[in-house]
Amino acid sequence: MKKLILLFLFCFSIVGCSQGGGNVDQGSKQLAEFYQGDFAKIDRIDIRNGATGETKSFTDRDKIQQWLDSIRVVEVQVDSNQEARTGYAYSAQFFEGEQQKIGFTTNQIGKVYFVPSEQLTDQLKSLFES
């Protein structure tokens, strides 16, 4: 009986561990890989400062496209720890008209968490402060 209980607990713990953070490709990815839409159609970007809560909207298409060209090649390292977390330095939402196409923070896109990137944070801060 004791062996049966130990076997049950062992199997239960294996199933629990395998259900962890889901299947997420490890390694680095460019930001452009997370968005399958057309960057040229983005006509508004909202950026929120995570420390103050202040949000700024940007609608100048030339400024938007120039900024998008600079960040689409930024590489982020997918975090091996995919457990939920809170807090961020900046968040961004891209819009086509009034429809939000993608949103991300300095450490998460969709359900994928990544190691905070100084380059991404600097790019978001630069646009936010412009």
N, C-alpha and C. Protein backbone atom coordinates (compact mmCIF):
# COMPACT_ATOMS: atom_id res chain seq x y z
N MET A 1 0.82 -1.19 0.00
CA MET A 1 0.00 0.00 0.00
C MET A 1 0.87 1.26 0.00
N LYS A 2 1.94 1.20 0.80
CA LYS A 2 2.84 2.33 0.89
C LYS A 2 3.50 2.61 -0.47
N LYS A 3 3.86 1.53 -1.18
CA LYS A 3 4.48 1.68 -2.50
C LYS A 3 3.50 2.28 -3.49
N LEU A 4 2.24 1.92 -3.40
CA LEU A 4 1.22 2.45 -4.28
C LEU A 4 1.04 3.97 -4.06
N ILE A 5 1.04 4.38 -2.82
CA ILE A 5 0.91 5.81 -2.51
C ILE A 5 2.13 6.57 -3.03
N LEU A 6 3.34 6.03 -2.83
CA LEU A 6 4.54 6.69 -3.32
C LEU A 6 4.54 6.77 -4.84
N LEU A 7 4.10 5.72 -5.49
CA LEU A 7 4.01 5.71 -6.95
C LEU A 7 3.02 6.77 -7.43
N PHE A 8 1.88 6.87 -6.77
CA PHE A 8 0.88 7.87 -7.11
C PHE A 8 1.45 9.27 -6.95
N LEU A 9 2.12 9.55 -5.82
CA LEU A 9 2.70 10.87 -5.58
C LEU A 9 3.78 11.19 -6.61
N PHE A 10 4.58 10.20 -6.97
CA PHE A 10 5.62 10.41 -7.97
C PHE A 10 5.01 10.78 -9.33
N CYS A 11 4.01 10.02 -9.75
CA CYS A 11 3.34 10.31 -11.03
C CYS A 11 2.66 11.66 -11.00
N PHE A 12 2.03 12.01 -9.90
CA PHE A 12 1.35 13.30 -9.76
C PHE A 12 2.35 14.45 -9.86
N SER A 13 3.52 14.29 -9.23
CA SER A 13 4.52 15.36 -9.28
C SER A 13 5.11 15.52 -10.68
N ILE A 14 5.26 14.44 -11.43
CA ILE A 14 5.75 14.53 -12.81
C ILE A 14 4.74 15.26 -13.68
N VAL A 15 3.48 14.94 -13.55
CA VAL A 15 2.44 15.61 -14.34
C VAL A 15 2.40 17.09 -13.97
N GLY A 16 2.48 17.41 -12.70
CA GLY A 16 2.46 18.81 -12.26
C GLY A 16 3.64 19.59 -12.82
N CYS A 17 4.82 19.00 -12.83
CA CYS A 17 6.00 19.69 -13.34
C CYS A 17 5.93 19.88 -14.85
N SER A 18 5.36 18.93 -15.55
CA SER A 18 5.31 19.04 -17.00
C SER A 18 4.29 20.06 -17.46
N GLN A 19 3.39 20.52 -16.58
CA GLN A 19 2.38 21.49 -16.96
C GLN A 19 2.83 22.91 -16.68
N GLY A 20 4.10 23.14 -16.33
CA GLY A 20 4.66 24.42 -15.95
C GLY A 20 4.30 25.59 -16.84
N GLY A 21 5.28 26.16 -17.55
CA GLY A 21 5.09 27.39 -18.27
C GLY A 21 4.63 27.22 -19.69
N GLY A 22 4.32 26.02 -20.12
CA GLY A 22 3.88 25.84 -21.50
C GLY A 22 5.06 25.67 -22.42
N ASN A 23 4.77 25.46 -23.69
CA ASN A 23 5.82 25.28 -24.67
C ASN A 23 6.19 26.62 -25.28
N VAL A 24 7.36 27.11 -24.91
CA VAL A 24 7.85 28.37 -25.43
C VAL A 24 9.22 28.12 -26.01
N ASP A 25 9.42 28.56 -27.25
CA ASP A 25 10.72 28.42 -27.87
C ASP A 25 11.73 29.23 -27.07
N GLN A 26 12.86 28.61 -26.75
CA GLN A 26 13.91 29.30 -26.02
C GLN A 26 14.83 30.00 -27.01
N GLY A 27 15.70 30.85 -26.50
CA GLY A 27 16.66 31.55 -27.34
C GLY A 27 16.25 32.97 -27.59
N SER A 28 16.97 33.64 -28.48
CA SER A 28 16.65 35.02 -28.76
C SER A 28 15.80 35.17 -29.99
N LYS A 29 15.01 36.23 -29.98
CA LYS A 29 14.12 36.53 -31.09
C LYS A 29 14.11 38.03 -31.32
N GLN A 30 13.97 38.40 -32.58
CA GLN A 30 13.77 39.81 -32.87
C GLN A 30 12.32 40.17 -32.58
N LEU A 31 12.09 41.41 -32.18
CA LEU A 31 10.72 41.83 -31.87
C LEU A 31 9.79 41.62 -33.05
N ALA A 32 10.28 41.80 -34.26
CA ALA A 32 9.45 41.64 -35.45
C ALA A 32 8.86 40.24 -35.56
N GLU A 33 9.50 39.25 -34.95
CA GLU A 33 9.01 37.87 -35.00
C GLU A 33 7.72 37.69 -34.20
N PHE A 34 7.44 38.59 -33.29
CA PHE A 34 6.24 38.48 -32.46
C PHE A 34 5.01 39.12 -33.12
N TYR A 35 5.23 39.91 -34.17
CA TYR A 35 4.11 40.60 -34.82
C TYR A 35 4.06 40.20 -36.28
N GLN A 36 2.97 39.54 -36.67
CA GLN A 36 2.83 39.05 -38.04
C GLN A 36 2.17 40.06 -38.97
N GLY A 37 1.74 41.20 -38.42
CA GLY A 37 1.07 42.22 -39.22
C GLY A 37 2.06 43.07 -40.01
N ASP A 38 1.55 44.11 -40.62
CA ASP A 38 2.34 45.02 -41.43
C ASP A 38 2.70 46.26 -40.61
N PHE A 39 3.97 46.40 -40.28
CA PHE A 39 4.41 47.55 -39.49
C PHE A 39 4.08 48.88 -40.18
N ALA A 40 4.03 48.89 -41.49
CA ALA A 40 3.75 50.12 -42.24
C ALA A 40 2.34 50.64 -41.97
N LYS A 41 1.44 49.79 -41.50
CA LYS A 41 0.06 50.20 -41.23
C LYS A 41 -0.15 50.74 -39.81
N ILE A 42 0.87 50.65 -38.98
CA ILE A 42 0.75 51.17 -37.61
C ILE A 42 0.68 52.69 -37.68
N ASP A 43 -0.41 53.27 -37.16
CA ASP A 43 -0.57 54.72 -37.24
C ASP A 43 -0.67 55.40 -35.87
N ARG A 44 -0.57 54.62 -34.80
CA ARG A 44 -0.55 55.19 -33.46
C ARG A 44 0.18 54.24 -32.53
N ILE A 45 0.99 54.81 -31.66
CA ILE A 45 1.67 54.04 -30.62
C ILE A 45 1.39 54.73 -29.29
N ASP A 46 0.92 53.96 -28.32
CA ASP A 46 0.74 54.45 -26.96
C ASP A 46 1.82 53.82 -26.10
N ILE A 47 2.52 54.65 -25.34
CA ILE A 47 3.55 54.14 -24.43
C ILE A 47 3.21 54.60 -23.02
N ARG A 48 3.27 53.65 -22.08
CA ARG A 48 3.00 53.95 -20.66
C ARG A 48 4.30 53.76 -19.88
N ASN A 49 4.58 54.73 -19.05
CA ASN A 49 5.70 54.63 -18.12
C ASN A 49 5.22 53.80 -16.94
N GLY A 50 5.86 52.66 -16.70
CA GLY A 50 5.43 51.76 -15.64
C GLY A 50 5.66 52.30 -14.24
N ALA A 51 6.56 53.26 -14.10
CA ALA A 51 6.84 53.83 -12.78
C ALA A 51 5.82 54.89 -12.39
N THR A 52 5.37 55.68 -13.38
CA THR A 52 4.47 56.80 -13.06
C THR A 52 3.03 56.57 -13.52
N GLY A 53 2.83 55.66 -14.47
CA GLY A 53 1.51 55.43 -15.03
C GLY A 53 1.16 56.39 -16.16
N GLU A 54 2.03 57.37 -16.41
CA GLU A 54 1.77 58.35 -17.47
C GLU A 54 1.80 57.66 -18.84
N THR A 55 0.82 58.01 -19.69
CA THR A 55 0.74 57.46 -21.04
C THR A 55 0.86 58.58 -22.06
N LYS A 56 1.61 58.32 -23.12
CA LYS A 56 1.73 59.27 -24.23
C LYS A 56 1.37 58.55 -25.52
N SER A 57 0.66 59.26 -26.39
CA SER A 57 0.29 58.72 -27.71
C SER A 57 1.10 59.42 -28.78
N PHE A 58 1.52 58.65 -29.77
CA PHE A 58 2.29 59.17 -30.89
C PHE A 58 1.56 58.83 -32.18
N THR A 59 1.33 59.86 -33.02
CA THR A 59 0.56 59.65 -34.25
C THR A 59 1.29 60.15 -35.49
N ASP A 60 2.45 60.78 -35.35
CA ASP A 60 3.22 61.24 -36.50
C ASP A 60 3.76 60.01 -37.24
N ARG A 61 3.22 59.75 -38.43
CA ARG A 61 3.56 58.51 -39.15
C ARG A 61 5.05 58.39 -39.45
N ASP A 62 5.70 59.48 -39.82
CA ASP A 62 7.14 59.42 -40.11
C ASP A 62 7.93 59.04 -38.85
N LYS A 63 7.58 59.68 -37.74
CA LYS A 63 8.25 59.38 -36.47
C LYS A 63 8.00 57.92 -36.06
N ILE A 64 6.75 57.48 -36.23
CA ILE A 64 6.40 56.10 -35.89
C ILE A 64 7.20 55.11 -36.73
N GLN A 65 7.23 55.31 -38.04
CA GLN A 65 7.93 54.36 -38.91
C GLN A 65 9.42 54.35 -38.64
N GLN A 66 10.01 55.51 -38.39
CA GLN A 66 11.43 55.58 -38.08
C GLN A 66 11.72 54.82 -36.78
N TRP A 67 10.86 55.01 -35.79
CA TRP A 67 11.05 54.32 -34.51
C TRP A 67 10.84 52.81 -34.67
N LEU A 68 9.81 52.43 -35.42
CA LEU A 68 9.56 51.00 -35.65
C LEU A 68 10.73 50.34 -36.37
N ASP A 69 11.32 51.04 -37.31
CA ASP A 69 12.50 50.50 -38.01
C ASP A 69 13.64 50.22 -37.04
N SER A 70 13.76 51.06 -36.01
CA SER A 70 14.85 50.88 -35.04
C SER A 70 14.58 49.75 -34.04
N ILE A 71 13.32 49.47 -33.73
CA ILE A 71 13.07 48.44 -32.72
C ILE A 71 12.74 47.07 -33.29
N ARG A 72 12.32 46.99 -34.53
CA ARG A 72 11.92 45.67 -35.04
C ARG A 72 13.07 44.68 -35.05
N VAL A 73 14.31 45.17 -35.09
CA VAL A 73 15.48 44.28 -35.11
C VAL A 73 16.07 44.06 -33.72
N VAL A 74 15.49 44.70 -32.70
CA VAL A 74 15.97 44.49 -31.33
C VAL A 74 15.74 43.04 -30.96
N GLU A 75 16.78 42.41 -30.43
CA GLU A 75 16.66 41.01 -30.02
C GLU A 75 16.38 40.92 -28.54
N VAL A 76 15.45 40.04 -28.20
CA VAL A 76 15.14 39.77 -26.80
C VAL A 76 15.40 38.30 -26.54
N GLN A 77 15.84 38.00 -25.34
CA GLN A 77 16.14 36.64 -24.93
C GLN A 77 14.94 36.07 -24.19
N VAL A 78 14.34 35.02 -24.74
CA VAL A 78 13.20 34.39 -24.08
C VAL A 78 13.67 33.83 -22.74
N ASP A 79 12.94 34.15 -21.69
CA ASP A 79 13.28 33.72 -20.35
C ASP A 79 12.89 32.26 -20.16
N SER A 80 13.80 31.47 -19.62
CA SER A 80 13.48 30.06 -19.37
C SER A 80 12.42 29.93 -18.28
N ASN A 81 12.29 30.93 -17.43
CA ASN A 81 11.27 30.96 -16.39
C ASN A 81 10.04 31.67 -16.95
N GLN A 82 9.01 30.95 -17.27
CA GLN A 82 7.80 31.52 -17.86
C GLN A 82 6.69 31.70 -16.83
N GLU A 83 7.04 31.78 -15.53
CA GLU A 83 6.05 32.03 -14.50
C GLU A 83 5.58 33.48 -14.59
N ALA A 84 4.31 33.69 -14.28
CA ALA A 84 3.73 35.04 -14.33
C ALA A 84 4.48 35.99 -13.41
N ARG A 85 4.54 37.24 -13.81
CA ARG A 85 5.17 38.28 -13.00
C ARG A 85 4.46 39.59 -13.22
N THR A 86 4.78 40.56 -12.40
CA THR A 86 4.15 41.88 -12.50
C THR A 86 5.24 42.94 -12.58
N GLY A 87 4.84 44.12 -13.05
CA GLY A 87 5.75 45.26 -13.10
C GLY A 87 6.50 45.34 -14.42
N TYR A 88 6.77 46.57 -14.86
CA TYR A 88 7.52 46.80 -16.09
C TYR A 88 7.99 48.25 -16.10
N ALA A 89 9.02 48.52 -16.87
CA ALA A 89 9.51 49.89 -17.01
C ALA A 89 8.62 50.69 -17.96
N TYR A 90 8.30 50.09 -19.12
CA TYR A 90 7.43 50.72 -20.13
C TYR A 90 6.57 49.64 -20.77
N SER A 91 5.40 50.07 -21.25
CA SER A 91 4.58 49.20 -22.09
C SER A 91 4.26 49.97 -23.36
N ALA A 92 3.99 49.25 -24.42
CA ALA A 92 3.65 49.88 -25.70
C ALA A 92 2.49 49.13 -26.33
N GLN A 93 1.62 49.88 -27.00
CA GLN A 93 0.52 49.31 -27.77
C GLN A 93 0.59 49.93 -29.16
N PHE A 94 0.48 49.06 -30.18
CA PHE A 94 0.48 49.51 -31.57
C PHE A 94 -0.94 49.44 -32.10
N PHE A 95 -1.36 50.47 -32.81
CA PHE A 95 -2.72 50.56 -33.34
C PHE A 95 -2.72 50.78 -34.85
N GLU A 96 -3.75 50.21 -35.47
CA GLU A 96 -4.16 50.55 -36.83
C GLU A 96 -5.55 51.13 -36.68
N GLY A 97 -5.68 52.45 -36.90
CA GLY A 97 -6.94 53.10 -36.60
C GLY A 97 -7.19 52.99 -35.11
N GLU A 98 -8.37 52.51 -34.73
CA GLU A 98 -8.69 52.35 -33.31
C GLU A 98 -8.46 50.92 -32.82
N GLN A 99 -8.00 50.04 -33.70
CA GLN A 99 -7.81 48.63 -33.33
C GLN A 99 -6.38 48.38 -32.86
N GLN A 100 -6.27 47.90 -31.61
CA GLN A 100 -4.95 47.55 -31.09
C GLN A 100 -4.48 46.27 -31.77
N LYS A 101 -3.27 46.30 -32.31
CA LYS A 101 -2.73 45.15 -33.03
C LYS A 101 -1.82 44.29 -32.16
N ILE A 102 -1.03 44.94 -31.33
CA ILE A 102 -0.13 44.20 -30.43
C ILE A 102 0.22 45.12 -29.27
N GLY A 103 0.44 44.52 -28.15
CA GLY A 103 0.90 45.24 -26.97
C GLY A 103 1.99 44.43 -26.30
N PHE A 104 2.93 45.12 -25.67
CA PHE A 104 4.00 44.43 -24.97
C PHE A 104 4.58 45.33 -23.90
N THR A 105 5.34 44.72 -23.01
CA THR A 105 6.05 45.47 -21.97
C THR A 105 7.54 45.21 -22.15
N THR A 106 8.31 45.77 -21.26
CA THR A 106 9.76 45.58 -21.35
C THR A 106 10.20 44.17 -20.94
N ASN A 107 9.24 43.33 -20.54
CA ASN A 107 9.61 41.95 -20.22
C ASN A 107 8.60 40.90 -20.68
N GLN A 108 7.63 41.29 -21.51
CA GLN A 108 6.60 40.33 -21.92
C GLN A 108 5.93 40.76 -23.22
N ILE A 109 5.73 39.79 -24.10
CA ILE A 109 4.90 39.98 -25.29
C ILE A 109 3.91 38.82 -25.31
N GLY A 110 2.63 39.15 -25.26
CA GLY A 110 1.62 38.09 -25.19
C GLY A 110 1.84 37.28 -23.93
N LYS A 111 1.96 35.98 -24.08
CA LYS A 111 2.18 35.10 -22.94
C LYS A 111 3.64 34.67 -22.83
N VAL A 112 4.52 35.36 -23.54
CA VAL A 112 5.94 35.01 -23.55
C VAL A 112 6.72 36.05 -22.74
N TYR A 113 7.40 35.57 -21.71
CA TYR A 113 8.24 36.43 -20.90
C TYR A 113 9.67 36.36 -21.41
N PHE A 114 10.36 37.50 -21.39
CA PHE A 114 11.75 37.50 -21.80
C PHE A 114 12.58 38.30 -20.81
N VAL A 115 13.89 38.08 -20.88
CA VAL A 115 14.81 38.78 -20.01
C VAL A 115 14.77 40.26 -20.41
N PRO A 116 14.57 41.17 -19.45
CA PRO A 116 14.50 42.58 -19.82
C PRO A 116 15.71 43.00 -20.66
N SER A 117 15.43 43.71 -21.74
CA SER A 117 16.46 44.15 -22.68
C SER A 117 16.72 45.63 -22.47
N GLU A 118 17.96 45.98 -22.18
CA GLU A 118 18.32 47.38 -22.00
C GLU A 118 18.09 48.16 -23.30
N GLN A 119 18.37 47.53 -24.43
CA GLN A 119 18.18 48.19 -25.72
C GLN A 119 16.70 48.52 -25.95
N LEU A 120 15.81 47.57 -25.67
CA LEU A 120 14.38 47.80 -25.83
C LEU A 120 13.90 48.89 -24.86
N THR A 121 14.32 48.81 -23.62
CA THR A 121 13.93 49.82 -22.63
C THR A 121 14.40 51.20 -23.07
N ASP A 122 15.63 51.30 -23.56
CA ASP A 122 16.16 52.59 -24.01
C ASP A 122 15.37 53.13 -25.20
N GLN A 123 14.96 52.26 -26.12
CA GLN A 123 14.18 52.70 -27.29
C GLN A 123 12.80 53.21 -26.86
N LEU A 124 12.15 52.50 -25.96
CA LEU A 124 10.84 52.92 -25.46
C LEU A 124 10.96 54.24 -24.69
N LYS A 125 11.98 54.35 -23.87
CA LYS A 125 12.20 55.58 -23.10
C LYS A 125 12.47 56.75 -24.05
N SER A 126 13.25 56.52 -25.08
CA SER A 126 13.57 57.58 -26.04
C SER A 126 12.32 58.13 -26.72
N LEU A 127 11.45 57.23 -27.18
CA LEU A 127 10.21 57.70 -27.81
C LEU A 127 9.31 58.38 -26.78
N PHE A 128 9.20 57.79 -25.60
CA PHE A 128 8.35 58.35 -24.55
C PHE A 128 8.77 59.79 -24.20
N GLU A 129 10.07 60.02 -24.13
CA GLU A 129 10.58 61.33 -23.73
C GLU A 129 10.70 62.31 -24.88
N SER A 130 10.38 61.88 -26.10
CA SER A 130 10.53 62.79 -27.25
C SER A 130 9.34 63.72 -27.39
